[in-house]
Amino acid sequence: MSRKMPRLLSVLIFCTDIRGAISRRGLAVWICMLAGLAQAGQMQISPVLVEIEAPASADSLRISNQGDAPLTVQMRLFGWRQQDGEDIYFQTQDVVVSPPIVEIAPGKFAVVRIVRRAESPLRGEEPYRLFIDQLPDVTPGEDSAVSLLIRHAVPVFFFDAASRTSQPAWTVRQQAGQLQIGVVNHGLGHIKLSALTVSDSQGRQVAFGEGLIGYVLGNSSRYFAKATDKTLAGPEVQLSANSNIGRIEETLPLSSE
């Protein structure tokens, strides 16, 4: 006799911005509309960015359960690089996270340790990404259920302060109803961008959003595109952004195709 198994629809919700890591962006936008159903606020993480300066080789973060039911949380840590403008995550043994899975009672918290095991000296910065998944609670006996997996992606940087520098070089291109920003980071440290705007001498402005735009890792490049019906006037435009290396204000040539 075969048992009737519950039909389970799994939906993944990214609660932390990981632009460039999600290829099916349309799906990601749609499922984020369901966040209220998932009670995403019951898992809280602090801090949401981990930076560990040498000679220190370990740090911790805290995961709290603000809800009224137990949480099962899984941690996985990956190396992080950027290639052809995209985020690439890969398996690594240089850094470990402990414990890899925890159950947190309502109103309680768990402390998670991040430890660099590699013995090689740091030069510049080593980037990692810690994926923290609130695993779904599947109740046995239900014929149909929607399982919502809540995922946070926490950037982790081990760095040497003396050699960590960021040196961005920018390009601005206007074509086919899009404004495209390219940035090449010639330094060894990351650049975190937010509130990116481009404006021309006639007062027209294209804004890429007030929140996080993305990260540009050391010795890497990224491209950001914004659909717009505005046509900026050249030959030069003003690029402005907030970043972890200070306010960015650049006058740049505008290229068009």
C-alpha atoms as a PDB file:
ATOM      1  CA  MET A   1       0.000   0.000   0.000  1.00  0.00           C
ATOM      2  CA  SER A   2       1.360   3.359  -0.962  1.00  0.00           C
ATOM      3  CA  ARG A   3       1.038   6.352   1.313  1.00  0.00           C
ATOM      4  CA  LYS A   4      -0.391   9.587   0.045  1.00  0.00           C
ATOM      5  CA  MET A   5       2.403  12.143   0.200  1.00  0.00           C
ATOM      6  CA  PRO A   6       1.694  15.842   0.756  1.00  0.00           C
ATOM      7  CA  ARG A   7       2.056  18.054  -2.272  1.00  0.00           C
ATOM      8  CA  LEU A   8       4.649  20.648  -1.420  1.00  0.00           C
ATOM      9  CA  LEU A   9       5.285  23.880  -3.292  1.00  0.00           C
ATOM     10  CA  SER A  10       8.629  25.386  -2.242  1.00  0.00           C
ATOM     11  CA  VAL A  11       9.119  29.103  -2.652  1.00  0.00           C
ATOM     12  CA  LEU A  12      12.439  30.809  -1.993  1.00  0.00           C
ATOM     13  CA  ILE A  13      12.411  34.370  -0.677  1.00  0.00           C
ATOM     14  CA  PHE A  14      15.632  36.378  -0.561  1.00  0.00           C
ATOM     15  CA  CYS A  15      15.431  38.808   2.335  1.00  0.00           C
ATOM     16  CA  THR A  16      18.923  40.180   1.758  1.00  0.00           C
ATOM     17  CA  ASP A  17      19.845  41.807  -1.530  1.00  0.00           C
ATOM     18  CA  ILE A  18      22.115  39.555  -3.615  1.00  0.00           C
ATOM     19  CA  ARG A  19      21.817  41.217  -6.986  1.00  0.00           C
ATOM     20  CA  GLY A  20      23.609  39.358  -9.692  1.00  0.00           C
ATOM     21  CA  ALA A  21      23.194  36.017  -7.922  1.00  0.00           C
ATOM     22  CA  ILE A  22      19.589  35.519  -9.085  1.00  0.00           C
ATOM     23  CA  SER A  23      19.182  34.888 -12.789  1.00  0.00           C
ATOM     24  CA  ARG A  24      15.370  34.557 -12.760  1.00  0.00           C
ATOM     25  CA  ARG A  25      14.751  38.087 -11.496  1.00  0.00           C
ATOM     26  CA  GLY A  26      11.129  38.133 -12.577  1.00  0.00           C
ATOM     27  CA  LEU A  27      10.426  35.120 -10.379  1.00  0.00           C
ATOM     28  CA  ALA A  28      12.364  36.674  -7.496  1.00  0.00           C
ATOM     29  CA  VAL A  29      10.226  39.823  -7.673  1.00  0.00           C
ATOM     30  CA  TRP A  30       7.017  37.774  -7.754  1.00  0.00           C
ATOM     31  CA  ILE A  31       7.829  35.581  -4.780  1.00  0.00           C
ATOM     32  CA  CYS A  32       8.929  38.525  -2.660  1.00  0.00           C
ATOM     33  CA  MET A  33       5.289  39.659  -2.764  1.00  0.00           C
ATOM     34  CA  LEU A  34       4.570  36.597  -0.603  1.00  0.00           C
ATOM     35  CA  ALA A  35       6.948  37.613   2.150  1.00  0.00           C
ATOM     36  CA  GLY A  36       4.113  38.508   4.490  1.00  0.00           C
ATOM     37  CA  LEU A  37       2.846  34.922   4.338  1.00  0.00           C
ATOM     38  CA  ALA A  38       6.245  33.642   5.365  1.00  0.00           C
ATOM     39  CA  GLN A  39       6.475  35.706   8.556  1.00  0.00           C
ATOM     40  CA  ALA A  40       9.945  36.774   7.405  1.00  0.00           C
ATOM     41  CA  GLY A  41      10.311  39.148  10.316  1.00  0.00           C
ATOM     42  CA  GLN A  42      10.528  36.381  12.911  1.00  0.00           C
ATOM     43  CA  MET A  43      14.204  35.681  12.071  1.00  0.00           C
ATOM     44  CA  GLN A  44      16.512  38.605  12.737  1.00  0.00           C
ATOM     45  CA  ILE A  45      20.255  38.690  12.089  1.00  0.00           C
ATOM     46  CA  SER A  46      22.887  41.008  13.526  1.00  0.00           C
ATOM     47  CA  PRO A  47      25.125  42.194  12.017  1.00  0.00           C
ATOM     48  CA  VAL A  48      24.109  41.977   8.350  1.00  0.00           C
ATOM     49  CA  LEU A  49      27.687  42.659   7.213  1.00  0.00           C
ATOM     50  CA  VAL A  50      30.725  40.971   8.781  1.00  0.00           C
ATOM     51  CA  GLU A  51      34.195  42.506   8.393  1.00  0.00           C
ATOM     52  CA  ILE A  52      37.138  40.911  10.196  1.00  0.00           C
ATOM     53  CA  GLU A  53      40.453  42.765  10.270  1.00  0.00           C
ATOM     54  CA  ALA A  54      43.722  40.843  10.495  1.00  0.00           C
ATOM     55  CA  PRO A  55      45.276  39.578  12.706  1.00  0.00           C
ATOM     56  CA  ALA A  56      41.827  38.528  13.986  1.00  0.00           C
ATOM     57  CA  SER A  57      40.597  35.351  12.308  1.00  0.00           C
ATOM     58  CA  ALA A  58      37.116  34.892  13.764  1.00  0.00           C
ATOM     59  CA  ASP A  59      33.914  36.732  14.567  1.00  0.00           C
ATOM     60  CA  SER A  60      30.305  35.907  15.312  1.00  0.00           C
ATOM     61  CA  LEU A  61      26.787  36.955  14.476  1.00  0.00           C
ATOM     62  CA  ARG A  62      23.513  36.525  16.316  1.00  0.00           C
ATOM     63  CA  ILE A  63      20.306  35.023  14.965  1.00  0.00           C
ATOM     64  CA  SER A  64      17.172  35.818  16.967  1.00  0.00           C
ATOM     65  CA  ASN A  65      13.730  34.237  16.848  1.00  0.00           C
ATOM     66  CA  GLN A  66      11.160  37.002  17.230  1.00  0.00           C
ATOM     67  CA  GLY A  67       8.215  34.735  16.488  1.00  0.00           C
ATOM     68  CA  ASP A  68       6.079  32.388  18.554  1.00  0.00           C
ATOM     69  CA  ALA A  69       7.227  29.089  16.988  1.00  0.00           C
ATOM     70  CA  PRO A  70      10.611  27.336  16.909  1.00  0.00           C
ATOM     71  CA  LEU A  71      12.919  28.083  13.972  1.00  0.00           C
ATOM     72  CA  THR A  72      15.288  25.725  12.224  1.00  0.00           C
ATOM     73  CA  VAL A  73      18.113  27.669  10.605  1.00  0.00           C
ATOM     74  CA  GLN A  74      20.833  26.376   8.304  1.00  0.00           C
ATOM     75  CA  MET A  75      24.137  28.175   7.583  1.00  0.00           C
ATOM     76  CA  ARG A  76      26.327  27.640   4.510  1.00  0.00           C
ATOM     77  CA  LEU A  77      29.392  29.679   3.691  1.00  0.00           C
ATOM     78  CA  PHE A  78      30.835  30.062   0.177  1.00  0.00           C
ATOM     79  CA  GLY A  79      33.787  31.787  -1.390  1.00  0.00           C
ATOM     80  CA  TRP A  80      32.759  34.778  -3.509  1.00  0.00           C
ATOM     81  CA  ARG A  81      34.244  36.182  -6.687  1.00  0.00           C
ATOM     82  CA  GLN A  82      32.988  38.147  -9.660  1.00  0.00           C
ATOM     83  CA  GLN A  83      33.505  37.081 -13.248  1.00  0.00           C
ATOM     84  CA  ASP A  84      32.202  38.831 -16.372  1.00  0.00           C
ATOM     85  CA  GLY A  85      30.154  41.115 -14.134  1.00  0.00           C
ATOM     86  CA  GLU A  86      28.370  38.284 -12.312  1.00  0.00           C
ATOM     87  CA  ASP A  87      28.610  36.951  -8.758  1.00  0.00           C
ATOM     88  CA  ILE A  88      30.121  33.468  -8.501  1.00  0.00           C
ATOM     89  CA  TYR A  89      29.883  31.394  -5.300  1.00  0.00           C
ATOM     90  CA  PHE A  90      32.100  28.358  -4.749  1.00  0.00           C
ATOM     91  CA  GLN A  91      32.859  25.753  -2.109  1.00  0.00           C
ATOM     92  CA  THR A  92      35.726  26.555   0.262  1.00  0.00           C
ATOM     93  CA  GLN A  93      37.476  25.031   3.273  1.00  0.00           C
ATOM     94  CA  ASP A  94      39.423  28.198   4.099  1.00  0.00           C
ATOM     95  CA  VAL A  95      36.584  29.567   6.249  1.00  0.00           C
ATOM     96  CA  VAL A  96      34.024  27.593   8.243  1.00  0.00           C
ATOM     97  CA  VAL A  97      30.798  28.429  10.055  1.00  0.00           C
ATOM     98  CA  SER A  98      29.754  26.757  13.307  1.00  0.00           C
ATOM     99  CA  PRO A  99      27.246  25.397  14.033  1.00  0.00           C
ATOM    100  CA  PRO A 100      25.967  24.672  10.499  1.00  0.00           C
ATOM    101  CA  ILE A 101      22.382  24.200  11.692  1.00  0.00           C
ATOM    102  CA  VAL A 102      20.508  25.344  14.812  1.00  0.00           C
ATOM    103  CA  GLU A 103      17.011  25.233  16.264  1.00  0.00           C
ATOM    104  CA  ILE A 104      15.998  28.442  18.031  1.00  0.00           C
ATOM    105  CA  ALA A 105      13.126  28.541  20.504  1.00  0.00           C
ATOM    106  CA  PRO A 106      10.700  31.490  20.481  1.00  0.00           C
ATOM    107  CA  GLY A 107      12.222  34.585  22.063  1.00  0.00           C
ATOM    108  CA  LYS A 108      15.716  33.055  22.094  1.00  0.00           C
ATOM    109  CA  PHE A 109      18.843  33.528  19.972  1.00  0.00           C
ATOM    110  CA  ALA A 110      21.798  31.545  18.675  1.00  0.00           C
ATOM    111  CA  VAL A 111      25.393  32.679  18.204  1.00  0.00           C
ATOM    112  CA  VAL A 112      27.119  31.567  15.009  1.00  0.00           C
ATOM    113  CA  ARG A 113      30.919  31.640  14.678  1.00  0.00           C
ATOM    114  CA  ILE A 114      32.801  32.384  11.459  1.00  0.00           C
ATOM    115  CA  VAL A 115      36.422  31.208  11.522  1.00  0.00           C
ATOM    116  CA  ARG A 116      39.192  31.578   8.945  1.00  0.00           C
ATOM    117  CA  ARG A 117      41.271  28.392   8.958  1.00  0.00           C
ATOM    118  CA  ALA A 118      43.648  29.294   6.136  1.00  0.00           C
ATOM    119  CA  GLU A 119      47.156  30.031   7.367  1.00  0.00           C
ATOM    120  CA  SER A 120      48.260  32.128   4.402  1.00  0.00           C
ATOM    121  CA  PRO A 121      48.660  35.848   5.183  1.00  0.00           C
ATOM    122  CA  LEU A 122      45.962  38.198   4.012  1.00  0.00           C
ATOM    123  CA  ARG A 123      46.664  40.669   1.224  1.00  0.00           C
ATOM    124  CA  GLY A 124      43.889  43.099   0.607  1.00  0.00           C
ATOM    125  CA  GLU A 125      40.617  41.279   1.162  1.00  0.00           C
ATOM    126  CA  GLU A 126      39.034  37.835   1.027  1.00  0.00           C
ATOM    127  CA  PRO A 127      35.276  37.944   0.270  1.00  0.00           C
ATOM    128  CA  TYR A 128      32.768  35.283   1.293  1.00  0.00           C
ATOM    129  CA  ARG A 129      28.989  34.997   1.428  1.00  0.00           C
ATOM    130  CA  LEU A 130      27.128  33.380   4.311  1.00  0.00           C
ATOM    131  CA  PHE A 131      23.714  32.033   3.295  1.00  0.00           C
ATOM    132  CA  ILE A 132      21.361  31.736   6.257  1.00  0.00           C
ATOM    133  CA  ASP A 133      18.207  29.752   5.492  1.00  0.00           C
ATOM    134  CA  GLN A 134      15.135  29.645   7.676  1.00  0.00           C
ATOM    135  CA  LEU A 135      14.021  26.135   6.796  1.00  0.00           C
ATOM    136  CA  PRO A 136      10.304  25.582   6.155  1.00  0.00           C
ATOM    137  CA  ASP A 137       8.080  23.916   8.705  1.00  0.00           C
ATOM    138  CA  VAL A 138       6.294  21.118   6.867  1.00  0.00           C
ATOM    139  CA  THR A 139       3.367  19.788   8.884  1.00  0.00           C
ATOM    140  CA  PRO A 140       2.763  16.059   8.241  1.00  0.00           C
ATOM    141  CA  GLY A 141      -0.680  14.968   7.144  1.00  0.00           C
ATOM    142  CA  GLU A 142      -1.564  17.994   5.024  1.00  0.00           C
ATOM    143  CA  ASP A 143      -2.466  17.168   1.432  1.00  0.00           C
ATOM    144  CA  SER A 144      -1.220  20.473   0.122  1.00  0.00           C
ATOM    145  CA  ALA A 145       1.157  22.976   1.575  1.00  0.00           C
ATOM    146  CA  VAL A 146       3.165  25.977   0.508  1.00  0.00           C
ATOM    147  CA  SER A 147       6.668  25.867   1.931  1.00  0.00           C
ATOM    148  CA  LEU A 148       8.379  29.245   2.117  1.00  0.00           C
ATOM    149  CA  LEU A 149      12.138  29.242   2.533  1.00  0.00           C
ATOM    150  CA  ILE A 150      13.535  32.527   3.865  1.00  0.00           C
ATOM    151  CA  ARG A 151      17.135  33.220   2.860  1.00  0.00           C
ATOM    152  CA  HIS A 152      19.511  35.927   4.026  1.00  0.00           C
ATOM    153  CA  ALA A 153      22.852  36.411   2.280  1.00  0.00           C
ATOM    154  CA  VAL A 154      25.400  38.053   4.577  1.00  0.00           C
ATOM    155  CA  PRO A 155      28.649  39.415   3.084  1.00  0.00           C
ATOM    156  CA  VAL A 156      31.771  38.366   5.011  1.00  0.00           C
ATOM    157  CA  PHE A 157      35.136  40.077   4.447  1.00  0.00           C
ATOM    158  CA  PHE A 158      38.476  39.135   5.981  1.00  0.00           C
ATOM    159  CA  PHE A 159      40.939  41.948   5.279  1.00  0.00           C
ATOM    160  CA  ASP A 160      44.322  43.500   5.879  1.00  0.00           C
ATOM    161  CA  ALA A 161      43.814  47.202   6.511  1.00  0.00           C
ATOM    162  CA  ALA A 162      47.240  48.227   5.210  1.00  0.00           C
ATOM    163  CA  SER A 163      46.700  46.728   1.760  1.00  0.00           C
ATOM    164  CA  ARG A 164      42.924  47.015   1.310  1.00  0.00           C
ATOM    165  CA  THR A 165      42.242  49.821  -1.159  1.00  0.00           C
ATOM    166  CA  SER A 166      39.429  50.493  -3.630  1.00  0.00           C
ATOM    167  CA  GLN A 167      40.109  52.200  -6.967  1.00  0.00           C
ATOM    168  CA  PRO A 168      36.971  52.491  -9.139  1.00  0.00           C
ATOM    169  CA  ALA A 169      37.016  53.491 -12.810  1.00  0.00           C
ATOM    170  CA  TRP A 170      33.643  54.367 -14.345  1.00  0.00           C
ATOM    171  CA  THR A 171      31.958  54.344 -17.752  1.00  0.00           C
ATOM    172  CA  VAL A 172      28.479  55.603 -18.695  1.00  0.00           C
ATOM    173  CA  ARG A 173      26.702  54.424 -21.837  1.00  0.00           C
ATOM    174  CA  GLN A 174      23.266  55.261 -23.195  1.00  0.00           C
ATOM    175  CA  GLN A 175      21.632  52.894 -25.654  1.00  0.00           C
ATOM    176  CA  ALA A 176      18.365  51.182 -26.550  1.00  0.00           C
ATOM    177  CA  GLY A 177      16.309  52.801 -23.790  1.00  0.00           C
ATOM    178  CA  GLN A 178      18.861  51.938 -21.119  1.00  0.00           C
ATOM    179  CA  LEU A 179      21.484  53.771 -19.137  1.00  0.00           C
ATOM    180  CA  GLN A 180      24.418  51.470 -18.408  1.00  0.00           C
ATOM    181  CA  ILE A 181      27.019  52.062 -15.718  1.00  0.00           C
ATOM    182  CA  GLY A 182      30.256  50.118 -15.765  1.00  0.00           C
ATOM    183  CA  VAL A 183      32.718  50.115 -12.894  1.00  0.00           C
ATOM    184  CA  VAL A 184      36.117  48.426 -12.769  1.00  0.00           C
ATOM    185  CA  ASN A 185      37.669  48.169  -9.322  1.00  0.00           C
ATOM    186  CA  HIS A 186      41.467  48.153  -9.635  1.00  0.00           C
ATOM    187  CA  GLY A 187      41.937  47.960  -5.859  1.00  0.00           C
ATOM    188  CA  LEU A 188      42.051  44.988  -3.490  1.00  0.00           C
ATOM    189  CA  GLY A 189      39.005  45.935  -1.406  1.00  0.00           C
ATOM    190  CA  HIS A 190      35.293  45.902  -2.223  1.00  0.00           C
ATOM    191  CA  ILE A 191      33.058  48.843  -3.078  1.00  0.00           C
ATOM    192  CA  LYS A 192      29.485  48.864  -1.766  1.00  0.00           C
ATOM    193  CA  LEU A 193      27.233  51.165  -3.808  1.00  0.00           C
ATOM    194  CA  SER A 194      23.883  52.741  -3.008  1.00  0.00           C
ATOM    195  CA  ALA A 195      21.810  55.752  -4.100  1.00  0.00           C
ATOM    196  CA  LEU A 196      23.384  55.813  -7.570  1.00  0.00           C
ATOM    197  CA  THR A 197      22.243  58.628  -9.883  1.00  0.00           C
ATOM    198  CA  VAL A 198      23.394  60.091 -13.208  1.00  0.00           C
ATOM    199  CA  SER A 199      22.407  63.608 -14.291  1.00  0.00           C
ATOM    200  CA  ASP A 200      23.157  65.922 -17.199  1.00  0.00           C
ATOM    201  CA  SER A 201      23.719  69.663 -17.462  1.00  0.00           C
ATOM    202  CA  GLN A 202      20.048  70.250 -18.340  1.00  0.00           C
ATOM    203  CA  GLY A 203      18.765  68.830 -15.072  1.00  0.00           C
ATOM    204  CA  ARG A 204      17.627  65.432 -16.328  1.00  0.00           C
ATOM    205  CA  GLN A 205      18.421  62.632 -13.893  1.00  0.00           C
ATOM    206  CA  VAL A 206      18.285  58.832 -13.907  1.00  0.00           C
ATOM    207  CA  ALA A 207      18.185  57.206 -10.453  1.00  0.00           C
ATOM    208  CA  PHE A 208      19.093  53.565  -9.870  1.00  0.00           C
ATOM    209  CA  GLY A 209      17.320  53.465  -6.497  1.00  0.00           C
ATOM    210  CA  GLU A 210      17.981  54.679  -2.969  1.00  0.00           C
ATOM    211  CA  GLY A 211      18.922  51.311  -1.512  1.00  0.00           C
ATOM    212  CA  LEU A 212      21.781  48.937  -2.151  1.00  0.00           C
ATOM    213  CA  ILE A 213      22.839  48.819  -5.801  1.00  0.00           C
ATOM    214  CA  GLY A 214      25.476  46.129  -5.367  1.00  0.00           C
ATOM    215  CA  TYR A 215      29.054  45.228  -4.511  1.00  0.00           C
ATOM    216  CA  VAL A 216      32.125  45.482  -6.723  1.00  0.00           C
ATOM    217  CA  LEU A 217      34.832  43.201  -5.355  1.00  0.00           C
ATOM    218  CA  GLY A 218      38.550  43.888  -5.566  1.00  0.00           C
ATOM    219  CA  ASN A 219      40.113  43.367  -9.016  1.00  0.00           C
ATOM    220  CA  SER A 220      36.621  42.898 -10.459  1.00  0.00           C
ATOM    221  CA  SER A 221      34.052  44.662 -12.585  1.00  0.00           C
ATOM    222  CA  ARG A 222      30.276  45.079 -12.524  1.00  0.00           C
ATOM    223  CA  TYR A 223      27.676  46.571 -14.815  1.00  0.00           C
ATOM    224  CA  PHE A 224      24.402  48.158 -13.743  1.00  0.00           C
ATOM    225  CA  ALA A 225      21.607  48.948 -16.202  1.00  0.00           C
ATOM    226  CA  LYS A 226      18.470  51.058 -15.759  1.00  0.00           C
ATOM    227  CA  ALA A 227      15.607  51.168 -18.247  1.00  0.00           C
ATOM    228  CA  THR A 228      14.600  54.768 -18.875  1.00  0.00           C
ATOM    229  CA  ASP A 229      12.722  56.888 -21.388  1.00  0.00           C
ATOM    230  CA  LYS A 230      14.980  59.854 -20.601  1.00  0.00           C
ATOM    231  CA  THR A 231      17.745  60.831 -23.017  1.00  0.00           C
ATOM    232  CA  LEU A 232      20.652  62.469 -21.229  1.00  0.00           C
ATOM    233  CA  ALA A 233      22.586  65.198 -22.992  1.00  0.00           C
ATOM    234  CA  GLY A 234      26.347  64.862 -23.355  1.00  0.00           C
ATOM    235  CA  PRO A 235      29.159  65.176 -23.829  1.00  0.00           C
ATOM    236  CA  GLU A 236      29.539  64.760 -20.048  1.00  0.00           C
ATOM    237  CA  VAL A 237      27.314  63.672 -17.178  1.00  0.00           C
ATOM    238  CA  GLN A 238      27.588  63.720 -13.390  1.00  0.00           C
ATOM    239  CA  LEU A 239      27.611  60.400 -11.524  1.00  0.00           C
ATOM    240  CA  SER A 240      26.814  60.416  -7.802  1.00  0.00           C
ATOM    241  CA  ALA A 241      26.588  57.551  -5.298  1.00  0.00           C
ATOM    242  CA  ASN A 242      27.043  56.622  -1.673  1.00  0.00           C
ATOM    243  CA  SER A 243      29.637  53.984  -0.884  1.00  0.00           C
ATOM    244  CA  ASN A 244      31.676  52.397   1.875  1.00  0.00           C
ATOM    245  CA  ILE A 245      34.686  54.431   0.670  1.00  0.00           C
ATOM    246  CA  GLY A 246      32.831  57.743   0.929  1.00  0.00           C
ATOM    247  CA  ARG A 247      30.633  59.906  -1.251  1.00  0.00           C
ATOM    248  CA  ILE A 248      31.343  59.454  -4.977  1.00  0.00           C
ATOM    249  CA  GLU A 249      31.034  62.412  -7.336  1.00  0.00           C
ATOM    250  CA  GLU A 250      32.439  61.929 -10.843  1.00  0.00           C
ATOM    251  CA  THR A 251      32.166  63.902 -14.101  1.00  0.00           C
ATOM    252  CA  LEU A 252      32.294  61.350 -16.920  1.00  0.00           C
ATOM    253  CA  PRO A 253      31.991  61.245 -20.702  1.00  0.00           C
ATOM    254  CA  LEU A 254      28.665  59.913 -21.995  1.00  0.00           C
ATOM    255  CA  SER A 255      28.863  57.429 -24.826  1.00  0.00           C
ATOM    256  CA  SER A 256      25.910  56.476 -27.024  1.00  0.00           C
ATOM    257  CA  GLU A 257      25.163  53.860 -29.654  1.00  0.00           C
END
